[in-house]
Every structure is written in structure tokens, then in C-alpha cells.
PDB file of N, CA and C in Angstrom:
ATOM      1  N   MET A   1     -14.573 -36.233 -92.133  1.00  0.00           N
ATOM      2  CA  MET A   1     -14.021 -37.159 -92.825  1.00  0.00           C
ATOM      3  C   MET A   1     -13.280 -36.232 -93.903  1.00  0.00           C
ATOM      4  N   LYS A   2     -11.771 -36.521 -94.237  1.00  0.00           N
ATOM      5  CA  LYS A   2     -11.302 -35.599 -94.621  1.00  0.00           C
ATOM      6  C   LYS A   2     -11.150 -35.996 -96.188  1.00  0.00           C
ATOM      7  N   SER A   3     -11.023 -34.697 -97.085  1.00  0.00           N
ATOM      8  CA  SER A   3     -11.332 -34.756 -98.507  1.00  0.00           C
ATOM      9  C   SER A   3      -9.898 -35.102 -99.204  1.00  0.00           C
ATOM     10  N   ARG A   4      -9.812 -35.950 -99.901  1.00  0.00           N
ATOM     11  CA  ARG A   4      -8.198 -35.988-100.789  1.00  0.00           C
ATOM     12  C   ARG A   4      -8.601 -35.104-102.079  1.00  0.00           C
ATOM     13  N   VAL A   5      -7.905 -34.197-102.191  1.00  0.00           N
ATOM     14  CA  VAL A   5      -7.442 -34.060-103.983  1.00  0.00           C
ATOM     15  C   VAL A   5      -6.664 -34.916-104.670  1.00  0.00           C
ATOM     16  N   PRO A   6      -7.066 -35.445-105.883  1.00  0.00           N
ATOM     17  CA  PRO A   6      -6.467 -36.005-106.183  1.00  0.00           C
ATOM     18  C   PRO A   6      -5.028 -35.349-106.951  1.00  0.00           C
ATOM     19  N   LYS A   7      -3.314 -36.099-106.717  1.00  0.00           N
ATOM     20  CA  LYS A   7      -2.212 -35.433-106.912  1.00  0.00           C
ATOM     21  C   LYS A   7      -2.187 -34.487-107.904  1.00  0.00           C
ATOM     22  N   GLN A   8      -3.123 -34.996-109.392  1.00  0.00           N
ATOM     23  CA  GLN A   8      -3.000 -33.851-110.615  1.00  0.00           C
ATOM     24  C   GLN A   8      -3.483 -32.422-110.142  1.00  0.00           C
ATOM     25  N   PHE A   9      -4.174 -32.708-109.503  1.00  0.00           N
ATOM     26  CA  PHE A   9      -4.710 -31.117-108.812  1.00  0.00           C
ATOM     27  C   PHE A   9      -4.016 -30.282-107.593  1.00  0.00           C
ATOM     28  N   GLN A  10      -3.446 -31.166-106.903  1.00  0.00           N
ATOM     29  CA  GLN A  10      -2.520 -30.504-106.187  1.00  0.00           C
ATOM     30  C   GLN A  10      -1.450 -29.931-106.617  1.00  0.00           C
ATOM     31  N   GLY A  11      -0.730 -30.470-107.332  1.00  0.00           N
ATOM     32  CA  GLY A  11       0.353 -29.319-108.105  1.00  0.00           C
ATOM     33  C   GLY A  11      -0.141 -28.108-108.842  1.00  0.00           C
ATOM     34  N   SER A  12      -1.041 -28.103-109.428  1.00  0.00           N
ATOM     35  CA  SER A  12      -1.848 -27.055-109.709  1.00  0.00           C
ATOM     36  C   SER A  12      -2.112 -25.917-108.896  1.00  0.00           C
ATOM     37  N   GLN A  13      -2.576 -26.683-107.131  1.00  0.00           N
ATOM     38  CA  GLN A  13      -2.817 -25.846-106.692  1.00  0.00           C
ATOM     39  C   GLN A  13      -1.142 -24.762-106.066  1.00  0.00           C
ATOM     40  N   ASP A  14      -0.385 -25.541-106.192  1.00  0.00           N
ATOM     41  CA  ASP A  14       1.065 -24.884-105.808  1.00  0.00           C
ATOM     42  C   ASP A  14       1.285 -24.420-106.776  1.00  0.00           C
ATOM     43  N   MET A  15       1.023 -24.701-107.823  1.00  0.00           N
ATOM     44  CA  MET A  15       1.501 -23.852-109.111  1.00  0.00           C
ATOM     45  C   MET A  15       1.084 -22.593-109.192  1.00  0.00           C
ATOM     46  N   ASN A  16      -0.368 -22.386-108.943  1.00  0.00           N
ATOM     47  CA  ASN A  16      -1.242 -20.781-108.953  1.00  0.00           C
ATOM     48  C   ASN A  16      -0.914 -20.160-107.758  1.00  0.00           C
ATOM     49  N   SER A  17      -0.275 -20.979-106.587  1.00  0.00           N
ATOM     50  CA  SER A  17       0.486 -19.897-105.374  1.00  0.00           C
ATOM     51  C   SER A  17       1.556 -19.778-105.931  1.00  0.00           C
ATOM     52  N   MET A  18       2.340 -20.077-106.286  1.00  0.00           N
ATOM     53  CA  MET A  18       3.505 -19.721-106.967  1.00  0.00           C
ATOM     54  C   MET A  18       3.723 -18.734-108.129  1.00  0.00           C
ATOM     55  N   ILE A  19       2.563 -18.490-108.839  1.00  0.00           N
ATOM     56  CA  ILE A  19       2.211 -17.664-109.800  1.00  0.00           C
ATOM     57  C   ILE A  19       1.701 -16.289-109.204  1.00  0.00           C
ATOM     58  N   HIS A  20       0.659 -16.296-108.167  1.00  0.00           N
ATOM     59  CA  HIS A  20       0.578 -15.512-107.486  1.00  0.00           C
ATOM     60  C   HIS A  20       1.715 -14.731-106.291  1.00  0.00           C
ATOM     61  N   GLN A  21       2.344 -15.533-105.849  1.00  0.00           N
ATOM     62  CA  GLN A  21       3.442 -15.243-105.295  1.00  0.00           C
ATOM     63  C   GLN A  21       4.829 -13.725-106.200  1.00  0.00           C
ATOM     64  N   ALA A  22       4.706 -14.869-107.194  1.00  0.00           N
ATOM     65  CA  ALA A  22       5.819 -14.547-108.568  1.00  0.00           C
ATOM     66  C   ALA A  22       5.074 -12.864-108.590  1.00  0.00           C
ATOM     67  N   ARG A  23       3.925 -13.154-108.978  1.00  0.00           N
ATOM     68  CA  ARG A  23       3.063 -11.565-109.461  1.00  0.00           C
ATOM     69  C   ARG A  23       3.525 -10.548-108.307  1.00  0.00           C
ATOM     70  N   LYS A  24       3.031 -11.009-107.334  1.00  0.00           N
ATOM     71  CA  LYS A  24       3.174 -10.232-105.930  1.00  0.00           C
ATOM     72  C   LYS A  24       4.744  -9.183-105.901  1.00  0.00           C
ATOM     73  N   MET A  25       5.725 -10.426-105.847  1.00  0.00           N
ATOM     74  CA  MET A  25       6.663 -10.041-106.059  1.00  0.00           C
ATOM     75  C   MET A  25       7.591  -8.651-106.878  1.00  0.00           C
ATOM     76  N   GLN A  26       6.548  -9.229-108.287  1.00  0.00           N
ATOM     77  CA  GLN A  26       6.973  -8.017-109.474  1.00  0.00           C
ATOM     78  C   GLN A  26       6.719  -6.853-109.104  1.00  0.00           C
ATOM     79  N   ASP A  27       5.463  -6.754-108.940  1.00  0.00           N
ATOM     80  CA  ASP A  27       4.481  -5.486-108.356  1.00  0.00           C
ATOM     81  C   ASP A  27       5.414  -4.842-107.003  1.00  0.00           C
ATOM     82  N   GLN A  28       6.006  -5.648-106.228  1.00  0.00           N
ATOM     83  CA  GLN A  28       6.641  -5.101-105.336  1.00  0.00           C
ATOM     84  C   GLN A  28       7.875  -4.333-105.542  1.00  0.00           C
ATOM     85  N   ILE A  29       8.538  -4.916-106.713  1.00  0.00           N
ATOM     86  CA  ILE A  29      10.172  -4.400-107.380  1.00  0.00           C
ATOM     87  C   ILE A  29       9.919  -3.557-108.296  1.00  0.00           C
ATOM     88  N   THR A  30       8.353  -3.663-108.892  1.00  0.00           N
ATOM     89  CA  THR A  30       8.211  -2.332-109.676  1.00  0.00           C
ATOM     90  C   THR A  30       7.893  -0.918-109.071  1.00  0.00           C
ATOM     91  N   ALA A  31       7.307  -1.305-107.686  1.00  0.00           N
ATOM     92  CA  ALA A  31       7.046   0.000-107.359  1.00  0.00           C
ATOM     93  C   ALA A  31       8.011   0.595-106.575  1.00  0.00           C
ATOM     94  N   LEU A  32       9.137  -0.739-105.968  1.00  0.00           N
ATOM     95  CA  LEU A  32      10.557  -0.074-105.616  1.00  0.00           C
ATOM     96  C   LEU A  32      11.387   0.474-106.401  1.00  0.00           C
ATOM     97  N   GLN A  33      11.353  -0.064-107.441  1.00  0.00           N
ATOM     98  CA  GLN A  33      12.299   0.800-108.908  1.00  0.00           C
ATOM     99  C   GLN A  33      11.670   2.016-109.108  1.00  0.00           C
ATOM    100  N   GLU A  34      10.502   2.689-109.036  1.00  0.00           N
ATOM    101  CA  GLU A  34       9.407   3.782-109.311  1.00  0.00           C
ATOM    102  C   GLU A  34      10.075   4.423-108.443  1.00  0.00           C
ATOM    103  N   ASP A  35       9.678   3.984-106.844  1.00  0.00           N
ATOM    104  CA  ASP A  35      10.533   5.006-105.771  1.00  0.00           C
ATOM    105  C   ASP A  35      11.358   5.303-105.472  1.00  0.00           C
ATOM    106  N   ILE A  36      12.686   4.053-105.982  1.00  0.00           N
ATOM    107  CA  ILE A  36      14.014   4.898-106.179  1.00  0.00           C
ATOM    108  C   ILE A  36      14.334   5.589-107.532  1.00  0.00           C
ATOM    109  N   GLU A  37      13.512   5.506-108.262  1.00  0.00           N
ATOM    110  CA  GLU A  37      13.828   6.648-109.537  1.00  0.00           C
ATOM    111  C   GLU A  37      13.539   8.058-108.942  1.00  0.00           C
ATOM    112  N   GLN A  38      12.453   8.031-108.081  1.00  0.00           N
ATOM    113  CA  GLN A  38      12.226   9.249-107.780  1.00  0.00           C
ATOM    114  C   GLN A  38      13.061  10.226-106.709  1.00  0.00           C
ATOM    115  N   ARG A  39      13.835   9.372-106.249  1.00  0.00           N
ATOM    116  CA  ARG A  39      14.694   9.784-104.584  1.00  0.00           C
ATOM    117  C   ARG A  39      16.019  10.539-105.765  1.00  0.00           C
ATOM    118  N   THR A  40      16.765  11.374-104.977  1.00  0.00           N
ATOM    119  CA  THR A  40      18.036  11.821-105.391  1.00  0.00           C
ATOM    120  C   THR A  40      18.924  11.478-103.941  1.00  0.00           C
ATOM    121  N   PHE A  41      20.103  11.293-104.463  1.00  0.00           N
ATOM    122  CA  PHE A  41      21.538  10.770-103.873  1.00  0.00           C
ATOM    123  C   PHE A  41      22.835  11.641-103.857  1.00  0.00           C
ATOM    124  N   ASP A  42      22.965  12.154-102.751  1.00  0.00           N
ATOM    125  CA  ASP A  42      24.123  12.805-102.899  1.00  0.00           C
ATOM    126  C   ASP A  42      25.424  12.290-102.191  1.00  0.00           C
ATOM    127  N   ALA A  43      26.552  12.900-102.768  1.00  0.00           N
ATOM    128  CA  ALA A  43      27.849  12.666-102.077  1.00  0.00           C
ATOM    129  C   ALA A  43      28.327  13.683-102.379  1.00  0.00           C
ATOM    130  N   THR A  44      29.924  13.662-102.001  1.00  0.00           N
ATOM    131  CA  THR A  44      30.546  14.715-101.374  1.00  0.00           C
ATOM    132  C   THR A  44      32.357  14.144-101.911  1.00  0.00           C
ATOM    133  N   ALA A  45      33.064  14.879-102.361  1.00  0.00           N
ATOM    134  CA  ALA A  45      34.343  14.789-102.452  1.00  0.00           C
ATOM    135  C   ALA A  45      35.132  15.848-101.555  1.00  0.00           C
ATOM    136  N   GLY A  46      36.339  15.292-101.371  1.00  0.00           N
ATOM    137  CA  GLY A  46      37.722  16.551-100.807  1.00  0.00           C
ATOM    138  C   GLY A  46      36.940  17.447 -99.619  1.00  0.00           C
ATOM    139  N   GLY A  47      36.749  16.446 -98.711  1.00  0.00           N
ATOM    140  CA  GLY A  47      36.100  17.311 -97.429  1.00  0.00           C
ATOM    141  C   GLY A  47      34.968  18.027 -97.599  1.00  0.00           C
ATOM    142  N   GLY A  48      34.034  17.634 -98.575  1.00  0.00           N
ATOM    143  CA  GLY A  48      33.082  18.482 -98.834  1.00  0.00           C
ATOM    144  C   GLY A  48      32.943  19.785 -99.658  1.00  0.00           C
ATOM    145  N   ALA A  49      34.470  19.908-100.359  1.00  0.00           N
ATOM    146  CA  ALA A  49      34.562  20.778-101.657  1.00  0.00           C
ATOM    147  C   ALA A  49      33.889  20.454-102.896  1.00  0.00           C
ATOM    148  N   VAL A  50      33.504  19.170-103.093  1.00  0.00           N
ATOM    149  CA  VAL A  50      32.643  19.043-104.079  1.00  0.00           C
ATOM    150  C   VAL A  50      31.461  18.429-103.477  1.00  0.00           C
ATOM    151  N   SER A  51      30.210  18.939-103.643  1.00  0.00           N
ATOM    152  CA  SER A  51      28.834  18.180-103.631  1.00  0.00           C
ATOM    153  C   SER A  51      27.689  17.738-105.033  1.00  0.00           C
ATOM    154  N   VAL A  52      27.823  16.622-104.864  1.00  0.00           N
ATOM    155  CA  VAL A  52      26.888  16.361-106.448  1.00  0.00           C
ATOM    156  C   VAL A  52      25.359  15.591-106.080  1.00  0.00           C
ATOM    157  N   THR A  53      24.526  15.524-106.700  1.00  0.00           N
ATOM    158  CA  THR A  53      23.145  15.032-106.512  1.00  0.00           C
ATOM    159  C   THR A  53      23.029  14.170-107.420  1.00  0.00           C
ATOM    160  N   VAL A  54      22.416  13.071-107.617  1.00  0.00           N
ATOM    161  CA  VAL A  54      22.184  11.981-108.796  1.00  0.00           C
ATOM    162  C   VAL A  54      20.645  11.569-108.316  1.00  0.00           C
ATOM    163  N   THR A  55      20.145  11.908-109.493  1.00  0.00           N
ATOM    164  CA  THR A  55      18.512  10.506-109.161  1.00  0.00           C
ATOM    165  C   THR A  55      18.423   9.107-109.352  1.00  0.00           C
ATOM    166  N   GLY A  56      17.875   8.693-108.639  1.00  0.00           N
ATOM    167  CA  GLY A  56      17.530   7.447-108.896  1.00  0.00           C
ATOM    168  C   GLY A  56      17.584   6.397-110.214  1.00  0.00           C
ATOM    169  N   LYS A  57      17.700   7.371-111.199  1.00  0.00           N
ATOM    170  CA  LYS A  57      17.478   6.848-112.451  1.00  0.00           C
ATOM    171  C   LYS A  57      19.361   6.893-112.934  1.00  0.00           C
ATOM    172  N   LYS A  58      20.361   7.426-112.151  1.00  0.00           N
ATOM    173  CA  LYS A  58      21.864   7.792-112.478  1.00  0.00           C
ATOM    174  C   LYS A  58      21.889   8.962-112.895  1.00  0.00           C
ATOM    175  N   THR A  59      21.231   9.681-113.438  1.00  0.00           N
ATOM    176  CA  THR A  59      21.424  10.950-113.750  1.00  0.00           C
ATOM    177  C   THR A  59      21.914  12.196-113.006  1.00  0.00           C
ATOM    178  N   LEU A  60      23.042  12.529-113.726  1.00  0.00           N
ATOM    179  CA  LEU A  60      23.411  13.829-112.508  1.00  0.00           C
ATOM    180  C   LEU A  60      22.359  15.014-112.384  1.00  0.00           C
ATOM    181  N   GLN A  61      22.267  15.470-111.308  1.00  0.00           N
ATOM    182  CA  GLN A  61      21.412  16.566-111.148  1.00  0.00           C
ATOM    183  C   GLN A  61      21.629  18.222-110.663  1.00  0.00           C
ATOM    184  N   SER A  62      22.743  17.665-109.723  1.00  0.00           N
ATOM    185  CA  SER A  62      23.681  19.452-109.483  1.00  0.00           C
ATOM    186  C   SER A  62      24.983  18.959-109.189  1.00  0.00           C
ATOM    187  N   ILE A  63      25.633  19.935-109.630  1.00  0.00           N
ATOM    188  CA  ILE A  63      27.325  19.906-108.736  1.00  0.00           C
ATOM    189  C   ILE A  63      27.074  21.179-108.132  1.00  0.00           C
ATOM    190  N   THR A  64      28.001  21.226-106.731  1.00  0.00           N
ATOM    191  CA  THR A  64      27.910  22.482-105.865  1.00  0.00           C
ATOM    192  C   THR A  64      29.648  22.414-105.827  1.00  0.00           C
ATOM    193  N   LEU A  65      30.398  23.519-105.771  1.00  0.00           N
ATOM    194  CA  LEU A  65      31.544  23.689-105.971  1.00  0.00           C
ATOM    195  C   LEU A  65      32.245  24.519-104.824  1.00  0.00           C
ATOM    196  N   LYS A  66      32.972  24.430-103.902  1.00  0.00           N
ATOM    197  CA  LYS A  66      33.245  25.626-103.083  1.00  0.00           C
ATOM    198  C   LYS A  66      34.306  26.313-103.970  1.00  0.00           C
ATOM    199  N   PRO A  67      34.342  27.635-103.373  1.00  0.00           N
ATOM    200  CA  PRO A  67      35.650  28.358-104.220  1.00  0.00           C
ATOM    201  C   PRO A  67      36.695  28.264-104.228  1.00  0.00           C
ATOM    202  N   GLU A  68      37.310  27.985-102.937  1.00  0.00           N
ATOM    203  CA  GLU A  68      38.825  27.286-102.447  1.00  0.00           C
ATOM    204  C   GLU A  68      38.742  26.387-103.709  1.00  0.00           C
ATOM    205  N   VAL A  69      38.295  25.627-104.133  1.00  0.00           N
ATOM    206  CA  VAL A  69      38.306  24.046-104.730  1.00  0.00           C
ATOM    207  C   VAL A  69      38.446  24.372-106.110  1.00  0.00           C
ATOM    208  N   VAL A  70      38.379  25.740-106.583  1.00  0.00           N
ATOM    209  CA  VAL A  70      38.559  25.997-108.072  1.00  0.00           C
ATOM    210  C   VAL A  70      39.984  26.904-108.269  1.00  0.00           C
ATOM    211  N   ASP A  71      40.824  26.446-108.925  1.00  0.00           N
ATOM    212  CA  ASP A  71      42.084  26.452-108.708  1.00  0.00           C
ATOM    213  C   ASP A  71      42.822  26.142-110.271  1.00  0.00           C
ATOM    214  N   PRO A  72      42.790  27.405-111.107  1.00  0.00           N
ATOM    215  CA  PRO A  72      42.946  27.448-112.303  1.00  0.00           C
ATOM    216  C   PRO A  72      44.112  26.839-112.756  1.00  0.00           C
ATOM    217  N   GLU A  73      44.984  26.691-111.825  1.00  0.00           N
ATOM    218  CA  GLU A  73      46.547  26.034-111.849  1.00  0.00           C
ATOM    219  C   GLU A  73      46.432  24.392-111.670  1.00  0.00           C
ATOM    220  N   ASP A  74      45.181  24.209-111.075  1.00  0.00           N
ATOM    221  CA  ASP A  74      45.527  22.597-110.605  1.00  0.00           C
ATOM    222  C   ASP A  74      43.813  22.309-110.945  1.00  0.00           C
ATOM    223  N   ILE A  75      43.686  22.248-112.319  1.00  0.00           N
ATOM    224  CA  ILE A  75      42.269  21.422-112.905  1.00  0.00           C
ATOM    225  C   ILE A  75      42.201  20.164-112.700  1.00  0.00           C
ATOM    226  N   GLU A  76      43.009  19.348-113.122  1.00  0.00           N
ATOM    227  CA  GLU A  76      43.086  17.808-112.991  1.00  0.00           C
ATOM    228  C   GLU A  76      42.290  17.850-111.575  1.00  0.00           C
ATOM    229  N   MET A  77      42.906  18.436-110.659  1.00  0.00           N
ATOM    230  CA  MET A  77      42.323  17.765-109.107  1.00  0.00           C
ATOM    231  C   MET A  77      40.960  18.083-108.947  1.00  0.00           C
ATOM    232  N   LEU A  78      40.238  18.945-109.529  1.00  0.00           N
ATOM    233  CA  LEU A  78      39.252  19.490-109.552  1.00  0.00           C
ATOM    234  C   LEU A  78      37.947  18.419-110.280  1.00  0.00           C
ATOM    235  N   GLN A  79      38.700  18.149-111.497  1.00  0.00           N
ATOM    236  CA  GLN A  79      38.174  16.989-112.069  1.00  0.00           C
ATOM    237  C   GLN A  79      38.342  15.824-111.371  1.00  0.00           C
ATOM    238  N   ASP A  80      38.927  15.694-110.880  1.00  0.00           N
ATOM    239  CA  ASP A  80      39.177  13.947-110.148  1.00  0.00           C
ATOM    240  C   ASP A  80      38.395  14.243-108.893  1.00  0.00           C
ATOM    241  N   LEU A  81      38.089  15.390-108.034  1.00  0.00           N
ATOM    242  CA  LEU A  81      36.791  15.496-107.340  1.00  0.00           C
ATOM    243  C   LEU A  81      35.547  14.982-107.833  1.00  0.00           C
ATOM    244  N   ILE A  82      35.368  15.729-109.090  1.00  0.00           N
ATOM    245  CA  ILE A  82      34.120  15.772-109.369  1.00  0.00           C
ATOM    246  C   ILE A  82      33.917  14.054-109.453  1.00  0.00           C
ATOM    247  N   ILE A  83      34.451  13.305-110.492  1.00  0.00           N
ATOM    248  CA  ILE A  83      34.496  11.910-111.022  1.00  0.00           C
ATOM    249  C   ILE A  83      34.178  11.422-109.256  1.00  0.00           C
ATOM    250  N   SER A  84      35.296  11.696-108.590  1.00  0.00           N
ATOM    251  CA  SER A  84      35.275  10.798-107.583  1.00  0.00           C
ATOM    252  C   SER A  84      33.531  11.089-106.378  1.00  0.00           C
ATOM    253  N   ALA A  85      33.219  12.115-106.545  1.00  0.00           N
ATOM    254  CA  ALA A  85      31.754  12.415-106.285  1.00  0.00           C
ATOM    255  C   ALA A  85      30.531  11.945-106.822  1.00  0.00           C
ATOM    256  N   VAL A  86      30.701  11.911-108.164  1.00  0.00           N
ATOM    257  CA  VAL A  86      29.923  11.467-108.730  1.00  0.00           C
ATOM    258  C   VAL A  86      29.624   9.796-108.976  1.00  0.00           C
ATOM    259  N   ASN A  87      30.793   9.344-108.682  1.00  0.00           N
ATOM    260  CA  ASN A  87      31.005   7.973-108.953  1.00  0.00           C
ATOM    261  C   ASN A  87      30.718   7.366-107.355  1.00  0.00           C
ATOM    262  N   GLU A  88      30.815   8.120-106.363  1.00  0.00           N
ATOM    263  CA  GLU A  88      30.398   7.716-105.214  1.00  0.00           C
ATOM    264  C   GLU A  88      28.711   7.730-104.920  1.00  0.00           C
ATOM    265  N   ALA A  89      27.948   8.716-105.404  1.00  0.00           N
ATOM    266  CA  ALA A  89      26.510   9.166-105.385  1.00  0.00           C
ATOM    267  C   ALA A  89      26.183   8.014-106.204  1.00  0.00           C
ATOM    268  N   ILE A  90      26.703   7.354-107.425  1.00  0.00           N
ATOM    269  CA  ILE A  90      25.835   6.389-108.566  1.00  0.00           C
ATOM    270  C   ILE A  90      26.139   5.012-107.367  1.00  0.00           C
ATOM    271  N   ALA A  91      27.077   5.066-107.041  1.00  0.00           N
ATOM    272  CA  ALA A  91      27.368   3.552-106.068  1.00  0.00           C
ATOM    273  C   ALA A  91      26.337   3.514-104.682  1.00  0.00           C
ATOM    274  N   ASN A  92      25.745   4.938-104.416  1.00  0.00           N
ATOM    275  CA  ASN A  92      25.011   4.929-103.748  1.00  0.00           C
ATOM    276  C   ASN A  92      23.646   4.701-103.902  1.00  0.00           C
ATOM    277  N   VAL A  93      23.221   4.709-105.338  1.00  0.00           N
ATOM    278  CA  VAL A  93      22.125   4.739-105.849  1.00  0.00           C
ATOM    279  C   VAL A  93      22.031   2.956-105.667  1.00  0.00           C
ATOM    280  N   GLU A  94      23.109   2.301-106.274  1.00  0.00           N
ATOM    281  CA  GLU A  94      23.246   1.012-106.707  1.00  0.00           C
ATOM    282  C   GLU A  94      23.175   0.229-105.339  1.00  0.00           C
ATOM    283  N   GLU A  95      23.415   0.772-104.364  1.00  0.00           N
ATOM    284  CA  GLU A  95      23.464  -0.078-103.265  1.00  0.00           C
ATOM    285  C   GLU A  95      22.471   0.137-102.488  1.00  0.00           C
ATOM    286  N   THR A  96      21.952   1.099-102.566  1.00  0.00           N
ATOM    287  CA  THR A  96      20.274   1.299-102.332  1.00  0.00           C
ATOM    288  C   THR A  96      19.358   0.583-102.789  1.00  0.00           C
ATOM    289  N   THR A  97      19.504   0.336-104.143  1.00  0.00           N
ATOM    290  CA  THR A  97      18.613  -0.366-104.776  1.00  0.00           C
ATOM    291  C   THR A  97      18.876  -1.759-104.596  1.00  0.00           C
ATOM    292  N   GLU A  98      20.231  -2.287-104.391  1.00  0.00           N
ATOM    293  CA  GLU A  98      20.464  -3.569-104.132  1.00  0.00           C
ATOM    294  C   GLU A  98      19.731  -3.999-102.714  1.00  0.00           C
ATOM    295  N   ASN A  99      20.379  -3.407-101.905  1.00  0.00           N
ATOM    296  CA  ASN A  99      19.656  -3.575-100.448  1.00  0.00           C
ATOM    297  C   ASN A  99      18.176  -3.922-100.078  1.00  0.00           C
ATOM    298  N   GLU A 100      17.381  -2.873-100.964  1.00  0.00           N
ATOM    299  CA  GLU A 100      16.034  -2.582-100.468  1.00  0.00           C
ATOM    300  C   GLU A 100      15.409  -3.952-101.663  1.00  0.00           C
ATOM    301  N   MET A 101      15.952  -4.296-102.977  1.00  0.00           N
ATOM    302  CA  MET A 101      15.679  -5.628-103.730  1.00  0.00           C
ATOM    303  C   MET A 101      15.848  -6.723-102.760  1.00  0.00           C
ATOM    304  N   SER A 102      16.687  -6.890-102.181  1.00  0.00           N
ATOM    305  CA  SER A 102      16.895  -8.402-101.519  1.00  0.00           C
ATOM    306  C   SER A 102      16.053  -8.594-100.191  1.00  0.00           C
ATOM    307  N   LYS A 103      15.350  -7.431-100.010  1.00  0.00           N
ATOM    308  CA  LYS A 103      14.432  -7.362 -98.734  1.00  0.00           C
ATOM    309  C   LYS A 103      13.207  -8.065 -99.660  1.00  0.00           C
ATOM    310  N   ILE A 104      12.884  -7.780-100.688  1.00  0.00           N
ATOM    311  CA  ILE A 104      11.897  -8.329-101.334  1.00  0.00           C
ATOM    312  C   ILE A 104      11.927  -9.699-101.903  1.00  0.00           C
ATOM    313  N   THR A 105      13.166  -9.807-102.095  1.00  0.00           N
ATOM    314  CA  THR A 105      13.263 -11.120-103.251  1.00  0.00           C
ATOM    315  C   THR A 105      13.780 -12.089-102.266  1.00  0.00           C
ATOM    316  N   GLY A 106      14.367 -11.745-101.094  1.00  0.00           N
ATOM    317  CA  GLY A 106      15.005 -12.547 -99.750  1.00  0.00           C
ATOM    318  C   GLY A 106      16.626 -13.075-100.092  1.00  0.00           C
ATOM    319  N   GLY A 107      17.170 -12.031-100.810  1.00  0.00           N
ATOM    320  CA  GLY A 107      18.259 -12.140-101.209  1.00  0.00           C
ATOM    321  C   GLY A 107      18.894 -13.019-102.545  1.00  0.00           C
ATOM    322  N   VAL A 108      17.665 -13.260-103.069  1.00  0.00           N
ATOM    323  CA  VAL A 108      18.022 -14.304-104.214  1.00  0.00           C
ATOM    324  C   VAL A 108      18.560 -12.923-105.293  1.00  0.00           C
ATOM    325  N   ALA A 109      19.509 -13.244-106.104  1.00  0.00           N
ATOM    326  CA  ALA A 109      19.417 -12.395-107.082  1.00  0.00           C
ATOM    327  C   ALA A 109      18.847 -13.021-108.313  1.00  0.00           C
ATOM    328  N   LEU A 110      17.869 -11.976-108.776  1.00  0.00           N
ATOM    329  CA  LEU A 110      17.081 -12.157-110.231  1.00  0.00           C
ATOM    330  C   LEU A 110      17.794 -11.329-111.192  1.00  0.00           C
ATOM    331  N   PRO A 111      18.546 -12.284-112.351  1.00  0.00           N
ATOM    332  CA  PRO A 111      18.879 -11.915-113.550  1.00  0.00           C
ATOM    333  C   PRO A 111      17.898 -10.829-113.989  1.00  0.00           C
ATOM    334  N   GLY A 112      18.413  -9.595-114.398  1.00  0.00           N
ATOM    335  CA  GLY A 112      17.835  -8.754-115.328  1.00  0.00           C
ATOM    336  C   GLY A 112      17.015  -7.645-114.624  1.00  0.00           C
ATOM    337  N   LEU A 113      16.895  -7.565-113.135  1.00  0.00           N
ATOM    338  CA  LEU A 113      15.831  -6.727-112.609  1.00  0.00           C
ATOM    339  C   LEU A 113      16.582  -5.574-112.231  1.00  0.00           C
ATOM    340  N   PHE A 114      17.746  -5.536-111.528  1.00  0.00           N
ATOM    341  CA  PHE A 114      18.671  -4.350-111.570  1.00  0.00           C
ATOM    342  C   PHE A 114      20.082  -4.369-111.475  1.00  0.00           C
TER     343      PHE A 114
END
């Protein structure tokens, strides 16, 4: 014989399951955010003339310049290459974060998480 749970308690079980899943998802998101913050992301510009490394927290960690890119007559080009490399590295952080978060959230965008 099948036991019947009153309707008022069936919703409670569903709600508890949803809360459990939400907590699990939040724990996974927190772990992923911490993992990404520990990573470094590299990018180059000018065919490798400028290389940069940023952290997962989007903090510039290092810049490497090849000697041939340092031309006192053309400082603007060097500045543009540095900006380009830094922006690419930051975009890599954001893309990685978005891709890995979507694996956890099933592609649903959750405002304020990343």
C-alpha cells in the first residue's frame, strides 16, 4: 500500500530539495571563484613583443618587453601594445570565469555572482 503525504508537506520536501541544491551550487561557485583567483592568465601583443600576466583577481602581476619594442621615438606604440596585452589577459580571466560558472549554473546567468 502506498503512503500518501498531504499536499502541504509535499511542497515542503520540494522546497528543502531546492534549498539543498542552491546551497550546493553556492559552495561550488565559491570554490570556483577562489580557484580562479589563484590562477594566472597570460597574454601577448605585437607578436610576442609584449607579454603580461594577470591574476584571477584581475591584478597585473608582470610585464615583459622584448628589447626591440622599446623605441624612444615611438612610446605611443609601446603604450598601445601594453594596453592591448593587459586587456586581452583580463578578457581571458572574464571568459574563463563565465565559461566555468556556466558549467555550474547550467548556463543560467545569476546576477551579482561574477
